[in-house]
Amino acid sequence: MSNAADQTFETIQLPALLERVGELRKQGHRLVQIGATRLPEHVELTYSFDRESRLTNLRFQVLAEGARLPSITSIYWCAFLYENELHDLFNVQVDGMAVDFHGHLYETNVKFPFGSTKAPVAKPAPTAAAPSPAPTAAATAAPTSKS
């Protein structure tokens, strides 16, 4: 990619997602990434596609509270990884994923670490038990035999 002219951004509405993704697939685009950004009231999603070294980005927002969108895995099977990531990190529900890890693709200390605009705070790690004192010389001496 040599310059900004090699990519476009299309602002779409959520209901147009599947139709537009299907069109891009028919035109020979490959899925590059699905990214998300948490805004105060919304989650902004960007789906990026490549064809002949030109990126086409579809961008839309969903309300953060109860965020839900349809899966594109029927069009791009590999999207299941991105979609599970959207769920596990941003608390976006994706309906109809080809492979659903049910919230276990990422095991994080903070549930939905990017699901809020507030910085996540991890629970403190459990404290390790104090090590046992080293054995004394008397305890490690070889037993003696009595005749």
C-alpha atoms as a PDB file:
ATOM      1  CA  MET A   1       0.000   0.000   0.000  1.00  0.00           C
ATOM      2  CA  SER A   2       1.638   3.217  -1.061  1.00  0.00           C
ATOM      3  CA  ASN A   3      -0.743   5.991   0.008  1.00  0.00           C
ATOM      4  CA  ALA A   4      -4.101   6.880   1.474  1.00  0.00           C
ATOM      5  CA  ALA A   5      -5.681   6.725  -1.976  1.00  0.00           C
ATOM      6  CA  ASP A   6      -5.205   2.947  -1.801  1.00  0.00           C
ATOM      7  CA  GLN A   7      -7.955   2.601   0.772  1.00  0.00           C
ATOM      8  CA  THR A   8     -11.520   3.711   1.229  1.00  0.00           C
ATOM      9  CA  PHE A   9     -13.790   3.963   4.249  1.00  0.00           C
ATOM     10  CA  GLU A  10     -17.494   3.363   3.821  1.00  0.00           C
ATOM     11  CA  THR A  11     -19.805   4.273   6.663  1.00  0.00           C
ATOM     12  CA  ILE A  12     -22.665   1.776   6.659  1.00  0.00           C
ATOM     13  CA  GLN A  13     -25.579   0.920   8.905  1.00  0.00           C
ATOM     14  CA  LEU A  14     -25.655  -2.437  10.680  1.00  0.00           C
ATOM     15  CA  PRO A  15     -28.591  -3.822   8.622  1.00  0.00           C
ATOM     16  CA  ALA A  16     -26.468  -3.424   5.451  1.00  0.00           C
ATOM     17  CA  LEU A  17     -23.502  -5.414   6.822  1.00  0.00           C
ATOM     18  CA  LEU A  18     -24.231  -8.881   5.423  1.00  0.00           C
ATOM     19  CA  GLU A  19     -25.276  -7.612   2.009  1.00  0.00           C
ATOM     20  CA  ARG A  20     -22.206  -5.371   1.646  1.00  0.00           C
ATOM     21  CA  VAL A  21     -19.802  -8.086   2.875  1.00  0.00           C
ATOM     22  CA  GLY A  22     -21.387 -10.517   0.392  1.00  0.00           C
ATOM     23  CA  GLU A  23     -20.837  -8.033  -2.440  1.00  0.00           C
ATOM     24  CA  LEU A  24     -17.176  -7.651  -1.518  1.00  0.00           C
ATOM     25  CA  ARG A  25     -16.744 -11.427  -1.464  1.00  0.00           C
ATOM     26  CA  LYS A  26     -18.286 -11.753  -4.940  1.00  0.00           C
ATOM     27  CA  GLN A  27     -15.888  -9.067  -6.198  1.00  0.00           C
ATOM     28  CA  GLY A  28     -12.917 -11.131  -4.985  1.00  0.00           C
ATOM     29  CA  HIS A  29     -11.985  -9.281  -1.801  1.00  0.00           C
ATOM     30  CA  ARG A  30     -10.336 -11.120   1.081  1.00  0.00           C
ATOM     31  CA  LEU A  31     -11.080 -10.374   4.718  1.00  0.00           C
ATOM     32  CA  VAL A  32      -8.109  -8.636   6.348  1.00  0.00           C
ATOM     33  CA  GLN A  33      -9.364  -7.806   9.830  1.00  0.00           C
ATOM     34  CA  ILE A  34     -12.268  -6.852  12.050  1.00  0.00           C
ATOM     35  CA  GLY A  35     -11.371  -4.214  14.600  1.00  0.00           C
ATOM     36  CA  ALA A  36     -13.295  -2.520  17.371  1.00  0.00           C
ATOM     37  CA  THR A  37     -12.962   0.650  19.401  1.00  0.00           C
ATOM     38  CA  ARG A  38     -14.954   1.363  22.546  1.00  0.00           C
ATOM     39  CA  LEU A  39     -16.488   4.836  22.552  1.00  0.00           C
ATOM     40  CA  PRO A  40     -18.518   6.299  25.454  1.00  0.00           C
ATOM     41  CA  GLU A  41     -21.915   5.025  24.253  1.00  0.00           C
ATOM     42  CA  HIS A  42     -20.993   2.857  21.262  1.00  0.00           C
ATOM     43  CA  VAL A  43     -18.622   0.254  19.917  1.00  0.00           C
ATOM     44  CA  GLU A  44     -17.215   1.294  16.553  1.00  0.00           C
ATOM     45  CA  LEU A  45     -16.438  -1.618  14.251  1.00  0.00           C
ATOM     46  CA  THR A  46     -14.239  -1.616  11.167  1.00  0.00           C
ATOM     47  CA  TYR A  47     -14.242  -4.553   8.754  1.00  0.00           C
ATOM     48  CA  SER A  48     -11.312  -4.361   6.313  1.00  0.00           C
ATOM     49  CA  PHE A  49     -11.081  -6.159   2.965  1.00  0.00           C
ATOM     50  CA  ASP A  50      -8.303  -6.275   0.370  1.00  0.00           C
ATOM     51  CA  ARG A  51      -8.327  -6.712  -3.377  1.00  0.00           C
ATOM     52  CA  GLU A  52      -5.329  -5.942  -5.578  1.00  0.00           C
ATOM     53  CA  SER A  53      -3.553  -4.103  -2.729  1.00  0.00           C
ATOM     54  CA  ARG A  54      -6.478  -1.754  -2.137  1.00  0.00           C
ATOM     55  CA  LEU A  55      -8.287  -1.758   1.183  1.00  0.00           C
ATOM     56  CA  THR A  56     -12.007  -1.282   1.531  1.00  0.00           C
ATOM     57  CA  ASN A  57     -13.074  -0.580   5.114  1.00  0.00           C
ATOM     58  CA  LEU A  58     -16.670  -0.840   6.271  1.00  0.00           C
ATOM     59  CA  ARG A  59     -17.309   1.151   9.433  1.00  0.00           C
ATOM     60  CA  PHE A  60     -20.378   1.319  11.644  1.00  0.00           C
ATOM     61  CA  GLN A  61     -21.349   1.707  15.282  1.00  0.00           C
ATOM     62  CA  VAL A  62     -23.542  -0.318  17.611  1.00  0.00           C
ATOM     63  CA  LEU A  63     -24.809   0.760  21.007  1.00  0.00           C
ATOM     64  CA  ALA A  64     -22.417  -0.566  23.624  1.00  0.00           C
ATOM     65  CA  GLU A  65     -25.217  -1.599  25.964  1.00  0.00           C
ATOM     66  CA  GLY A  66     -26.522  -4.904  24.606  1.00  0.00           C
ATOM     67  CA  ALA A  67     -24.289  -4.745  21.503  1.00  0.00           C
ATOM     68  CA  ARG A  68     -25.291  -7.409  18.994  1.00  0.00           C
ATOM     69  CA  LEU A  69     -24.511  -8.102  15.355  1.00  0.00           C
ATOM     70  CA  PRO A  70     -24.785 -10.923  12.830  1.00  0.00           C
ATOM     71  CA  SER A  71     -21.878 -13.198  12.044  1.00  0.00           C
ATOM     72  CA  ILE A  72     -20.239 -12.988   8.631  1.00  0.00           C
ATOM     73  CA  THR A  73     -18.849 -16.547   8.926  1.00  0.00           C
ATOM     74  CA  SER A  74     -21.313 -17.765   6.318  1.00  0.00           C
ATOM     75  CA  ILE A  75     -19.458 -15.472   3.887  1.00  0.00           C
ATOM     76  CA  TYR A  76     -15.920 -15.541   5.340  1.00  0.00           C
ATOM     77  CA  TRP A  77     -15.537 -18.624   7.526  1.00  0.00           C
ATOM     78  CA  CYS A  78     -12.275 -17.366   9.061  1.00  0.00           C
ATOM     79  CA  ALA A  79     -14.139 -14.438  10.676  1.00  0.00           C
ATOM     80  CA  PHE A  80     -15.019 -16.691  13.626  1.00  0.00           C
ATOM     81  CA  LEU A  81     -11.739 -15.732  15.314  1.00  0.00           C
ATOM     82  CA  TYR A  82     -12.430 -11.995  15.047  1.00  0.00           C
ATOM     83  CA  GLU A  83     -16.028 -12.488  16.124  1.00  0.00           C
ATOM     84  CA  ASN A  84     -15.078 -14.482  19.232  1.00  0.00           C
ATOM     85  CA  GLU A  85     -12.584 -11.729  20.021  1.00  0.00           C
ATOM     86  CA  LEU A  86     -15.338  -9.099  19.749  1.00  0.00           C
ATOM     87  CA  HIS A  87     -17.348 -11.054  22.293  1.00  0.00           C
ATOM     88  CA  ASP A  88     -14.558 -11.852  24.739  1.00  0.00           C
ATOM     89  CA  LEU A  89     -12.860  -8.460  24.750  1.00  0.00           C
ATOM     90  CA  PHE A  90     -15.665  -5.986  23.957  1.00  0.00           C
ATOM     91  CA  ASN A  91     -18.840  -7.809  25.111  1.00  0.00           C
ATOM     92  CA  VAL A  92     -20.355  -7.685  21.611  1.00  0.00           C
ATOM     93  CA  GLN A  93     -22.752 -10.585  21.000  1.00  0.00           C
ATOM     94  CA  VAL A  94     -22.306 -12.112  17.536  1.00  0.00           C
ATOM     95  CA  ASP A  95     -25.240 -14.204  16.348  1.00  0.00           C
ATOM     96  CA  GLY A  96     -24.651 -17.290  14.200  1.00  0.00           C
ATOM     97  CA  MET A  97     -20.886 -17.768  14.445  1.00  0.00           C
ATOM     98  CA  ALA A  98     -19.584 -20.878  12.668  1.00  0.00           C
ATOM     99  CA  VAL A  99     -17.355 -21.644  15.669  1.00  0.00           C
ATOM    100  CA  ASP A 100     -18.342 -20.140  19.023  1.00  0.00           C
ATOM    101  CA  PHE A 101     -15.911 -20.434  21.931  1.00  0.00           C
ATOM    102  CA  HIS A 102     -18.696 -19.273  24.300  1.00  0.00           C
ATOM    103  CA  GLY A 103     -16.525 -16.640  25.948  1.00  0.00           C
ATOM    104  CA  HIS A 104     -13.397 -18.777  26.235  1.00  0.00           C
ATOM    105  CA  LEU A 105     -11.222 -17.747  23.267  1.00  0.00           C
ATOM    106  CA  TYR A 106      -9.450 -15.327  25.596  1.00  0.00           C
ATOM    107  CA  GLU A 107      -9.114 -16.059  29.294  1.00  0.00           C
ATOM    108  CA  THR A 108      -8.479 -12.665  30.890  1.00  0.00           C
ATOM    109  CA  ASN A 109      -8.364 -11.506  34.501  1.00  0.00           C
ATOM    110  CA  VAL A 110     -10.920  -8.833  33.597  1.00  0.00           C
ATOM    111  CA  LYS A 111     -14.108  -9.969  31.894  1.00  0.00           C
ATOM    112  CA  PHE A 112     -14.606  -7.887  28.722  1.00  0.00           C
ATOM    113  CA  PRO A 113     -11.484  -5.740  29.297  1.00  0.00           C
ATOM    114  CA  PHE A 114     -12.351  -3.361  26.451  1.00  0.00           C
ATOM    115  CA  GLY A 115     -16.100  -3.361  27.086  1.00  0.00           C
ATOM    116  CA  SER A 116     -15.888  -0.053  28.904  1.00  0.00           C
ATOM    117  CA  THR A 117     -14.174   3.277  28.424  1.00  0.00           C
ATOM    118  CA  LYS A 118     -12.806   2.969  31.964  1.00  0.00           C
ATOM    119  CA  ALA A 119      -9.392   1.381  32.331  1.00  0.00           C
ATOM    120  CA  PRO A 120      -9.757  -2.254  33.401  1.00  0.00           C
ATOM    121  CA  VAL A 121      -8.478  -3.217  36.815  1.00  0.00           C
ATOM    122  CA  ALA A 122      -7.341  -6.782  37.257  1.00  0.00           C
ATOM    123  CA  LYS A 123      -8.057  -8.603  40.469  1.00  0.00           C
ATOM    124  CA  PRO A 124      -4.903  -8.960  42.517  1.00  0.00           C
ATOM    125  CA  ALA A 125      -3.137 -12.273  42.086  1.00  0.00           C
ATOM    126  CA  PRO A 126      -3.519 -14.614  45.031  1.00  0.00           C
ATOM    127  CA  THR A 127      -0.609 -14.348  47.386  1.00  0.00           C
ATOM    128  CA  ALA A 128       1.747 -17.275  47.366  1.00  0.00           C
ATOM    129  CA  ALA A 129       2.171 -19.227  50.572  1.00  0.00           C
ATOM    130  CA  ALA A 130       5.349 -18.402  52.470  1.00  0.00           C
ATOM    131  CA  PRO A 131       8.101 -20.899  51.689  1.00  0.00           C
ATOM    132  CA  SER A 132       8.800 -23.495  54.351  1.00  0.00           C
ATOM    133  CA  PRO A 133      11.968 -22.876  56.323  1.00  0.00           C
ATOM    134  CA  ALA A 134      15.018 -24.739  55.087  1.00  0.00           C
ATOM    135  CA  PRO A 135      15.702 -27.969  56.957  1.00  0.00           C
ATOM    136  CA  THR A 136      18.313 -27.765  59.704  1.00  0.00           C
ATOM    137  CA  ALA A 137      21.557 -29.701  59.636  1.00  0.00           C
ATOM    138  CA  ALA A 138      20.274 -32.065  62.324  1.00  0.00           C
ATOM    139  CA  ALA A 139      17.191 -32.886  60.286  1.00  0.00           C
ATOM    140  CA  THR A 140      19.222 -33.735  57.195  1.00  0.00           C
ATOM    141  CA  ALA A 141      21.921 -35.821  58.936  1.00  0.00           C
ATOM    142  CA  ALA A 142      22.008 -39.505  58.021  1.00  0.00           C
ATOM    143  CA  PRO A 143      20.528 -41.760  60.695  1.00  0.00           C
ATOM    144  CA  THR A 144      22.994 -43.735  62.762  1.00  0.00           C
ATOM    145  CA  SER A 145      22.549 -47.370  63.560  1.00  0.00           C
ATOM    146  CA  LYS A 146      22.699 -48.728  67.096  1.00  0.00           C
ATOM    147  CA  SER A 147      23.975 -52.204  67.680  1.00  0.00           C
END
